[in-house]
Amino acid sequence: MRQATAIIIGAGQAGLAMSKRLTDRSIDHVLLERGTVANSWRTERWDSLRLLTPNWQSRLPSFEYSGSDPDGYMTMPDVNSFLGQYARTIDAPVMSNTTVTAVRPAEIGYTVTTDQGDWYSPNVVLASGACNVATMPAIAQEVPTSVKTVTPMQYKNPDQLEDGGVMVVGASATGVQLAREIQASGRQVTLAVGEHVRMPRMYRGRDIKWWMDVTGTLDTRYDAVDDLPRARRVPSLQLVGSPDRESLDLNTLQQTGVELVGRCAGMRDGRMLFSGSLANQCALADLKMNRLLDSIDQWIGEHAPHAVFGPAERPEPTVINDEPKLDMDLTDGSIRTIIWATGYRPDYSWLHVPVLNRKGRIRHDGGVTEAPGLYVLGLPFLRRRKSSLIDGVGDDARDLADHLAFGVHRKAA
């Protein structure tokens, strides 16, 4: 059985950032990766996807974007190249094509079983990602068999879809991007809208991510929010990373012909039922967006009153049909495909350590679990609002590496 002082499971941005932090502390370790570096970015994303963060915000420990388009947005091949270059630069000890099948407690530490042999380590960092499994509501099981159902992890481009109407369920970043792309392919799209976070791509001449960065919004710590479980469930921003830096919201989708309905509330006799709260959901999203923009205006007044920015122009309120549909017949052939853009969850089916709650989520305090030497990294709002971003894992990895190193040195003393 091979051994290391620390084992990192996953070689995406979180695992690589942790590797660099451990190397800086002279802690020997290995990264176990089921595929190759950036495997999820390479194999589980649709063809046209770009990062929602500008290139300048692609920052990892001792490494950052150095290309000629800092305000652009990386394609998936760009992300793969960026992370691959980072792994080579830091000489990350990655064991590729090594699938972890079990992690179990040992007398001291953990046994990690893989399809390439077993490992032992007193420290294990779970950096396998938050988006391993696409989630679908229970009503997905009641959809008529004549309607094909697809998740964003299966979707690649419109050409793979049946001819005819498409229902996209979920209006966060994934849902609105797929709705726009599929509508442009000539298929009529119906978008089922629940809770969402509306945001302009540009505000006062700067990218909204620039404002969130400079004002410190993304640095908000997990121990400084009132309702942390709620903060960790906030949907992704309605943004798209496009070369022309366009905003993508429900108004722009309707202008292209996308039909809006409320949240999917149930199925009855082959009919999808929709919530009547569509207008309220949109009004709430508009309110929260304007609160953030107000905070940016206030920051300018307090910190940069003499700086030259664009005018404080606000997006128009979301316009909703006075009588949106409350149900739709899924047996009449008008809808041929449903895409469930209803979120993701991590997969810890291989983790045999009692740190999971009843929903299969890891109980942790800023990435430190109750099991000694077991850590998790790369989850939403793990230690900071930016934890799930490429730009955020470096700070979280530094904190967890400090915690891990303290335990290593204490045991050695």
Foldseek 3Di string as FASTA:
>chain_A
DAEFQEEEEAQELLSLLLQLLLVVVVGTYEYEYQADHPVCLVQQAAQAAWDQDFQQLLDGVVDGDDDDGRRATGGSVRSRVRSVVSCVVSVHRYDHNWAWQAWDDDPAAIWTQTPVGIYTHNFYEYAHAFFPFFDDDPQVVVADPQAAEAERRRHHALVVADAFAEEEAEQEQVRQVNLQRNLVVVYAYEYAYDAYAEEQQDFQHHGPVVLCVVVCVQFAWLVPDDDNVVLLPHGHYNGGRDPVSGGTDPQVSVVSPHHYFYHFDHDDPQKTFHDPCVVVSQVVNLVVRVVVLVVSVVCCVVPPVPDRTHDRDDDDRDDHDPDGDGMGHSPPRNHRYYYYHPDGGDDPVNYPDPQADPVRDGDDQLQHTPRRNYGYAQGQSSTGNCRNPSSRSNVSSNVVSVVSVVVVVVVVD
